[in-house]
């Protein structure tokens, strides 16, 4: 079957499938699988980039959010890049990331013992949890 101007209907004369089905390159098949619920990377918890620029936060109150933790750091005159909260059965912990090692060191001194949502929190350097030997 020929399209306009002698070009092939499927390839537009360039050896590729036309992109007019569903608006996606690859046509209707790609459009179909794109809606199957697969999620890309970046979902879930933040992965600590540079541990030297990250601080650990402990003894956090139940119900605390990452937004609350980041706002608490900002209220102390700090400039956090990100924050995350881990609520578990043992007690709430979290992490705050900074742009520089100096900012992280300053944050440990300023936030350790501060009152966050009615609880006195602890701060320390971030250390990776050792893997359990099996």
N, C-alpha and C. Protein backbone atom coordinates (compact mmCIF):
# COMPACT_ATOMS: atom_id res chain seq x y z
N UNK A 1 0.86 -1.17 0.00
CA UNK A 1 0.00 0.00 0.00
C UNK A 1 0.90 1.23 0.00
N UNK A 2 0.59 2.18 -0.80
CA UNK A 2 1.40 3.39 -0.94
C UNK A 2 0.69 4.57 -0.31
N UNK A 3 1.45 5.42 0.35
CA UNK A 3 0.92 6.66 0.95
C UNK A 3 1.09 7.80 -0.05
N UNK A 4 1.15 9.01 0.45
CA UNK A 4 1.30 10.17 -0.41
C UNK A 4 2.70 10.24 -0.99
N UNK A 5 2.80 10.68 -2.22
CA UNK A 5 4.08 10.93 -2.86
C UNK A 5 4.95 9.70 -3.04
N UNK A 6 4.38 8.51 -3.10
CA UNK A 6 5.15 7.31 -3.33
C UNK A 6 5.86 6.77 -2.10
N UNK A 7 5.69 7.37 -0.95
CA UNK A 7 6.32 6.87 0.27
C UNK A 7 5.52 5.71 0.83
N UNK A 8 6.19 4.82 1.49
CA UNK A 8 5.49 3.70 2.11
C UNK A 8 4.60 4.17 3.24
N UNK A 9 3.44 3.56 3.38
CA UNK A 9 2.48 3.97 4.39
C UNK A 9 3.04 3.79 5.80
N UNK A 10 3.74 2.70 6.04
CA UNK A 10 4.22 2.39 7.39
C UNK A 10 5.46 3.16 7.80
N UNK A 11 6.32 3.51 6.87
CA UNK A 11 7.60 4.09 7.26
C UNK A 11 7.79 5.55 6.90
N UNK A 12 6.86 6.16 6.24
CA UNK A 12 7.02 7.56 5.86
C UNK A 12 8.21 7.76 4.95
N UNK A 13 8.71 6.68 4.32
CA UNK A 13 9.82 6.77 3.40
C UNK A 13 11.18 6.79 4.08
N UNK A 14 11.25 6.60 5.40
CA UNK A 14 12.52 6.70 6.11
C UNK A 14 12.92 5.39 6.79
N UNK A 15 12.21 4.31 6.53
CA UNK A 15 12.57 3.03 7.10
C UNK A 15 12.14 2.85 8.55
N UNK A 16 11.26 3.72 9.04
CA UNK A 16 10.78 3.61 10.42
C UNK A 16 9.26 3.55 10.41
N UNK A 17 8.70 2.99 11.47
CA UNK A 17 7.26 2.93 11.57
C UNK A 17 6.72 4.33 11.84
N UNK A 18 5.60 4.65 11.27
CA UNK A 18 4.98 5.96 11.49
C UNK A 18 4.64 6.13 12.97
N UNK A 19 4.65 7.37 13.44
CA UNK A 19 4.41 7.64 14.85
C UNK A 19 3.02 8.20 15.11
N UNK A 20 2.10 7.99 14.18
CA UNK A 20 0.81 8.63 14.33
C UNK A 20 -0.20 7.82 15.14
N UNK A 21 0.11 6.61 15.57
CA UNK A 21 -0.84 5.83 16.37
C UNK A 21 -0.62 6.12 17.83
N UNK A 22 -1.52 6.80 18.46
CA UNK A 22 -1.43 7.07 19.88
C UNK A 22 -0.50 8.22 20.23
N UNK A 23 0.16 8.80 19.25
CA UNK A 23 1.03 9.91 19.52
C UNK A 23 2.38 9.54 20.09
N UNK A 24 2.67 8.25 20.19
CA UNK A 24 3.94 7.80 20.76
C UNK A 24 4.81 7.21 19.67
N UNK A 25 6.13 7.42 19.72
CA UNK A 25 7.00 6.74 18.77
C UNK A 25 6.83 5.24 18.93
N UNK A 26 6.67 4.54 17.85
CA UNK A 26 6.46 3.10 17.93
C UNK A 26 5.00 2.73 17.76
N UNK A 27 4.13 3.70 17.74
CA UNK A 27 2.73 3.45 17.47
C UNK A 27 1.92 2.96 18.66
N UNK A 28 0.83 2.24 18.33
CA UNK A 28 -0.15 1.83 19.33
C UNK A 28 0.42 0.84 20.34
N UNK A 29 1.34 -0.02 19.95
CA UNK A 29 1.87 -1.02 20.88
C UNK A 29 2.59 -0.36 22.05
N UNK A 30 3.41 0.63 21.76
CA UNK A 30 4.12 1.30 22.84
C UNK A 30 3.13 2.05 23.73
N UNK A 31 2.15 2.68 23.13
CA UNK A 31 1.16 3.40 23.92
C UNK A 31 0.43 2.45 24.85
N UNK A 32 0.22 1.22 24.40
CA UNK A 32 -0.49 0.24 25.20
C UNK A 32 0.35 -0.19 26.41
N UNK A 33 1.62 -0.55 26.18
CA UNK A 33 2.42 -1.03 27.32
C UNK A 33 2.83 0.07 28.26
N UNK A 34 2.79 1.33 27.82
CA UNK A 34 3.15 2.43 28.70
C UNK A 34 2.13 2.60 29.83
N UNK A 35 0.93 2.08 29.66
CA UNK A 35 -0.12 2.22 30.66
C UNK A 35 -0.31 0.97 31.51
N UNK A 36 0.65 0.05 31.51
CA UNK A 36 0.50 -1.19 32.26
C UNK A 36 0.89 -1.05 33.72
N UNK A 37 1.24 0.11 34.19
CA UNK A 37 1.49 0.33 35.60
C UNK A 37 2.92 0.16 36.04
N UNK A 38 3.86 0.02 35.11
CA UNK A 38 5.25 -0.07 35.51
C UNK A 38 5.72 1.30 35.96
N UNK A 39 6.45 1.34 37.05
CA UNK A 39 6.93 2.62 37.56
C UNK A 39 8.42 2.72 37.31
N UNK A 40 8.87 3.93 37.10
CA UNK A 40 10.28 4.17 36.85
C UNK A 40 11.07 4.26 38.14
N UNK A 41 12.33 4.57 37.99
CA UNK A 41 13.19 4.73 39.17
C UNK A 41 12.81 6.02 39.89
N UNK A 42 13.28 6.16 41.10
CA UNK A 42 13.03 7.36 41.85
C UNK A 42 11.84 7.27 42.78
N UNK A 43 11.17 6.16 42.81
CA UNK A 43 10.04 5.99 43.71
C UNK A 43 10.56 5.45 45.04
N UNK A 44 9.90 5.81 46.11
CA UNK A 44 10.30 5.28 47.40
C UNK A 44 11.25 6.19 48.15
N UNK A 45 12.00 5.59 49.07
CA UNK A 45 12.87 6.38 49.94
C UNK A 45 14.08 6.93 49.21
N UNK A 46 14.56 8.02 49.76
CA UNK A 46 15.77 8.66 49.22
C UNK A 46 16.98 7.80 49.53
N UNK A 47 17.86 7.67 48.59
CA UNK A 47 19.10 6.96 48.82
C UNK A 47 20.17 7.99 49.16
N UNK A 48 20.88 7.74 50.23
CA UNK A 48 21.89 8.68 50.69
C UNK A 48 23.01 8.75 49.66
N UNK A 49 23.27 9.95 49.14
CA UNK A 49 24.33 10.13 48.16
C UNK A 49 25.70 10.10 48.81
N UNK A 50 26.06 11.15 49.50
CA UNK A 50 27.35 11.25 50.18
C UNK A 50 27.09 11.22 51.68
N UNK A 51 27.49 10.14 52.37
CA UNK A 51 27.23 10.04 53.80
C UNK A 51 27.84 11.17 54.61
N UNK A 52 28.91 11.77 54.13
CA UNK A 52 29.56 12.87 54.86
C UNK A 52 28.68 14.13 54.86
N UNK A 53 27.75 14.23 53.92
CA UNK A 53 26.87 15.39 53.83
C UNK A 53 25.49 15.10 54.41
N UNK A 54 25.34 13.96 55.09
CA UNK A 54 24.06 13.52 55.62
C UNK A 54 24.17 13.33 57.13
N UNK A 55 23.13 13.73 57.84
CA UNK A 55 23.12 13.50 59.29
C UNK A 55 21.98 12.55 59.65
N UNK A 56 22.19 11.78 60.71
CA UNK A 56 21.18 10.89 61.25
C UNK A 56 20.42 11.65 62.33
N UNK A 57 19.11 11.44 62.39
CA UNK A 57 18.27 12.08 63.40
C UNK A 57 17.51 10.98 64.13
N UNK A 58 17.60 10.97 65.45
CA UNK A 58 16.93 9.94 66.25
C UNK A 58 16.01 10.53 67.29
N UNK A 59 15.24 9.64 67.95
CA UNK A 59 14.28 10.01 69.00
C UNK A 59 13.22 10.96 68.50
N UNK A 60 12.79 10.75 67.26
CA UNK A 60 11.77 11.63 66.68
C UNK A 60 10.38 11.19 67.13
N UNK A 61 9.47 12.13 67.30
CA UNK A 61 8.12 11.80 67.74
C UNK A 61 7.33 11.10 66.63
N UNK A 62 6.36 10.30 67.04
CA UNK A 62 5.48 9.62 66.08
C UNK A 62 4.70 10.65 65.29
N UNK A 63 4.46 10.36 64.04
CA UNK A 63 3.67 11.24 63.19
C UNK A 63 4.45 12.35 62.52
N UNK A 64 5.76 12.41 62.76
CA UNK A 64 6.57 13.45 62.13
C UNK A 64 6.69 13.17 60.63
N UNK A 65 6.75 14.21 59.83
CA UNK A 65 6.89 14.07 58.38
C UNK A 65 8.22 14.67 57.93
N UNK A 66 8.60 14.35 56.72
CA UNK A 66 9.85 14.90 56.18
C UNK A 66 9.76 16.41 56.04
N UNK A 67 8.57 16.91 55.74
CA UNK A 67 8.39 18.36 55.62
C UNK A 67 8.60 19.04 56.97
N UNK A 68 8.07 18.40 58.03
CA UNK A 68 8.27 18.95 59.38
C UNK A 68 9.75 18.97 59.75
N UNK A 69 10.45 17.87 59.45
CA UNK A 69 11.86 17.76 59.79
C UNK A 69 12.70 18.79 59.03
N UNK A 70 12.40 18.95 57.75
CA UNK A 70 13.13 19.93 56.95
C UNK A 70 12.86 21.35 57.45
N UNK A 71 11.61 21.64 57.81
CA UNK A 71 11.25 22.96 58.33
C UNK A 71 11.93 23.22 59.68
N UNK A 72 12.08 22.18 60.49
CA UNK A 72 12.76 22.33 61.78
C UNK A 72 14.23 22.71 61.57
N UNK A 73 14.87 22.06 60.60
CA UNK A 73 16.26 22.39 60.29
C UNK A 73 16.37 23.82 59.75
N UNK A 74 15.43 24.21 58.91
CA UNK A 74 15.44 25.58 58.37
C UNK A 74 15.22 26.61 59.47
N UNK A 75 14.39 26.28 60.47
CA UNK A 75 14.14 27.23 61.56
C UNK A 75 15.38 27.43 62.44
N UNK A 76 16.33 26.49 62.35
CA UNK A 76 17.59 26.62 63.09
C UNK A 76 18.64 27.37 62.28
N UNK A 77 18.25 27.91 61.14
CA UNK A 77 19.18 28.67 60.30
C UNK A 77 19.99 27.80 59.36
N UNK A 78 19.55 26.58 59.13
CA UNK A 78 20.27 25.65 58.24
C UNK A 78 19.60 25.62 56.86
N UNK A 79 20.32 25.10 55.88
CA UNK A 79 19.78 25.00 54.52
C UNK A 79 19.83 23.55 54.05
N UNK A 80 18.87 22.71 54.51
CA UNK A 80 18.86 21.31 54.08
C UNK A 80 18.45 21.17 52.62
N UNK A 81 19.02 20.18 51.96
CA UNK A 81 18.65 19.89 50.57
C UNK A 81 17.45 18.95 50.56
N UNK A 82 17.44 17.97 51.45
CA UNK A 82 16.35 17.00 51.54
C UNK A 82 16.26 16.47 52.96
N UNK A 83 15.14 15.84 53.27
CA UNK A 83 14.94 15.20 54.57
C UNK A 83 14.04 13.99 54.36
N UNK A 84 14.21 12.99 55.22
CA UNK A 84 13.32 11.82 55.18
C UNK A 84 13.11 11.32 56.59
N UNK A 85 11.96 10.69 56.81
CA UNK A 85 11.58 10.19 58.12
C UNK A 85 11.28 8.70 58.00
N UNK A 86 11.80 7.92 58.96
CA UNK A 86 11.53 6.49 59.01
C UNK A 86 10.79 6.19 60.31
N UNK A 87 9.51 5.94 60.19
CA UNK A 87 8.72 5.58 61.37
C UNK A 87 8.64 4.07 61.44
N UNK A 88 9.11 3.51 62.54
CA UNK A 88 9.03 2.07 62.72
C UNK A 88 8.64 1.75 64.15
N UNK A 89 8.61 0.46 64.50
CA UNK A 89 8.15 0.05 65.83
C UNK A 89 9.09 0.50 66.94
N UNK A 90 10.37 0.59 66.67
CA UNK A 90 11.35 0.94 67.69
C UNK A 90 11.25 2.42 68.04
N UNK A 91 11.10 3.26 67.08
CA UNK A 91 11.04 4.70 67.29
C UNK A 91 11.37 5.40 66.00
N UNK A 92 11.02 6.65 65.92
CA UNK A 92 11.23 7.38 64.69
C UNK A 92 12.67 7.82 64.51
N UNK A 93 13.19 7.60 63.33
CA UNK A 93 14.50 8.10 62.95
C UNK A 93 14.35 8.81 61.62
N UNK A 94 15.40 9.50 61.24
CA UNK A 94 15.35 10.19 59.96
C UNK A 94 16.74 10.58 59.51
N UNK A 95 16.78 11.27 58.40
CA UNK A 95 18.03 11.75 57.83
C UNK A 95 17.79 13.09 57.17
N UNK A 96 18.83 13.91 57.19
CA UNK A 96 18.77 15.21 56.52
C UNK A 96 20.04 15.34 55.70
N UNK A 97 19.89 15.72 54.42
CA UNK A 97 21.03 15.90 53.54
C UNK A 97 21.34 17.37 53.32
N UNK A 98 22.63 17.67 53.20
CA UNK A 98 23.09 19.04 53.00
C UNK A 98 24.01 19.13 51.80
N UNK A 99 24.28 20.35 51.33
CA UNK A 99 25.14 20.56 50.17
C UNK A 99 26.61 20.32 50.48
N UNK A 100 27.04 20.67 51.69
CA UNK A 100 28.46 20.54 52.03
C UNK A 100 28.64 19.77 53.33
N UNK A 101 29.83 19.27 53.53
CA UNK A 101 30.19 18.58 54.77
C UNK A 101 30.12 19.55 55.95
N UNK A 102 30.54 20.80 55.72
CA UNK A 102 30.52 21.81 56.77
C UNK A 102 29.09 22.09 57.24
N UNK A 103 28.14 22.15 56.29
CA UNK A 103 26.74 22.36 56.65
C UNK A 103 26.23 21.21 57.51
N UNK A 104 26.61 19.98 57.16
CA UNK A 104 26.17 18.80 57.92
C UNK A 104 26.76 18.83 59.33
N UNK A 105 28.03 19.17 59.45
CA UNK A 105 28.68 19.25 60.76
C UNK A 105 28.03 20.32 61.63
N UNK A 106 27.73 21.46 61.02
CA UNK A 106 27.05 22.55 61.72
C UNK A 106 25.66 22.11 62.18
N UNK A 107 24.97 21.36 61.36
CA UNK A 107 23.62 20.90 61.68
C UNK A 107 23.63 19.96 62.88
N UNK A 108 24.62 19.09 62.97
CA UNK A 108 24.70 18.17 64.11
C UNK A 108 24.78 18.97 65.41
N UNK A 109 25.63 19.98 65.41
CA UNK A 109 25.79 20.81 66.61
C UNK A 109 24.53 21.60 66.95
N UNK A 110 23.87 22.15 65.93
CA UNK A 110 22.70 22.99 66.18
C UNK A 110 21.45 22.19 66.53
N UNK A 111 21.26 21.03 65.93
CA UNK A 111 20.01 20.29 66.12
C UNK A 111 20.05 19.28 67.26
N UNK A 112 21.22 18.84 67.69
CA UNK A 112 21.31 17.83 68.74
C UNK A 112 20.72 18.40 70.04
N UNK A 113 19.71 17.70 70.58
CA UNK A 113 19.04 18.15 71.80
C UNK A 113 17.95 19.17 71.58
N UNK A 114 17.72 19.58 70.33
CA UNK A 114 16.66 20.56 70.07
C UNK A 114 15.29 19.88 70.20
N UNK A 115 14.27 20.68 70.44
CA UNK A 115 12.92 20.15 70.61
C UNK A 115 12.19 20.22 69.26
N UNK A 116 11.79 19.04 68.80
CA UNK A 116 11.10 18.90 67.51
C UNK A 116 9.75 18.26 67.77
N UNK A 117 8.69 18.98 67.49
CA UNK A 117 7.31 18.51 67.71
C UNK A 117 7.12 17.95 69.12
N UNK A 118 7.69 18.61 70.12
CA UNK A 118 7.51 18.22 71.50
C UNK A 118 8.49 17.17 72.02
N UNK A 119 9.42 16.72 71.21
CA UNK A 119 10.39 15.70 71.64
C UNK A 119 11.80 16.22 71.43
N UNK A 120 12.70 15.86 72.34
CA UNK A 120 14.10 16.23 72.20
C UNK A 120 14.77 15.22 71.27
N UNK A 121 15.33 15.71 70.16
CA UNK A 121 15.91 14.80 69.17
C UNK A 121 17.43 14.70 69.32
N UNK A 122 17.97 13.60 68.80
CA UNK A 122 19.41 13.38 68.79
C UNK A 122 19.88 13.49 67.34
N UNK A 123 21.09 13.99 67.14
CA UNK A 123 21.67 14.00 65.80
C UNK A 123 23.09 13.47 65.87
N UNK A 124 23.53 12.87 64.77
CA UNK A 124 24.87 12.30 64.69
C UNK A 124 25.24 12.17 63.22
N UNK A 125 26.48 11.79 62.97
CA UNK A 125 26.92 11.55 61.60
C UNK A 125 26.17 10.34 61.04
N UNK A 126 26.00 10.32 59.74
CA UNK A 126 25.34 9.19 59.09
C UNK A 126 26.34 8.06 58.92
N UNK A 127 25.96 6.87 59.36
CA UNK A 127 26.79 5.68 59.13
C UNK A 127 25.91 4.62 58.51
N UNK A 128 26.46 3.94 57.55
CA UNK A 128 25.72 2.90 56.87
C UNK A 128 25.60 1.69 57.79
N UNK A 129 24.39 1.14 57.86
CA UNK A 129 24.15 -0.02 58.69
C UNK A 129 24.90 -1.22 58.13
N UNK A 130 25.71 -1.90 58.94
CA UNK A 130 26.45 -3.05 58.43
C UNK A 130 25.51 -4.19 58.05
N UNK A 131 25.85 -4.90 56.98
CA UNK A 131 25.04 -6.04 56.54
C UNK A 131 25.25 -7.20 57.49
N UNK A 132 24.16 -7.88 57.80
CA UNK A 132 24.23 -9.04 58.70
C UNK A 132 24.83 -10.22 57.95
N UNK A 133 25.77 -10.91 58.61
CA UNK A 133 26.36 -12.10 57.99
C UNK A 133 25.39 -13.25 58.11
N UNK A 134 25.29 -14.03 57.05
CA UNK A 134 24.36 -15.16 57.10
C UNK A 134 25.06 -16.47 57.10
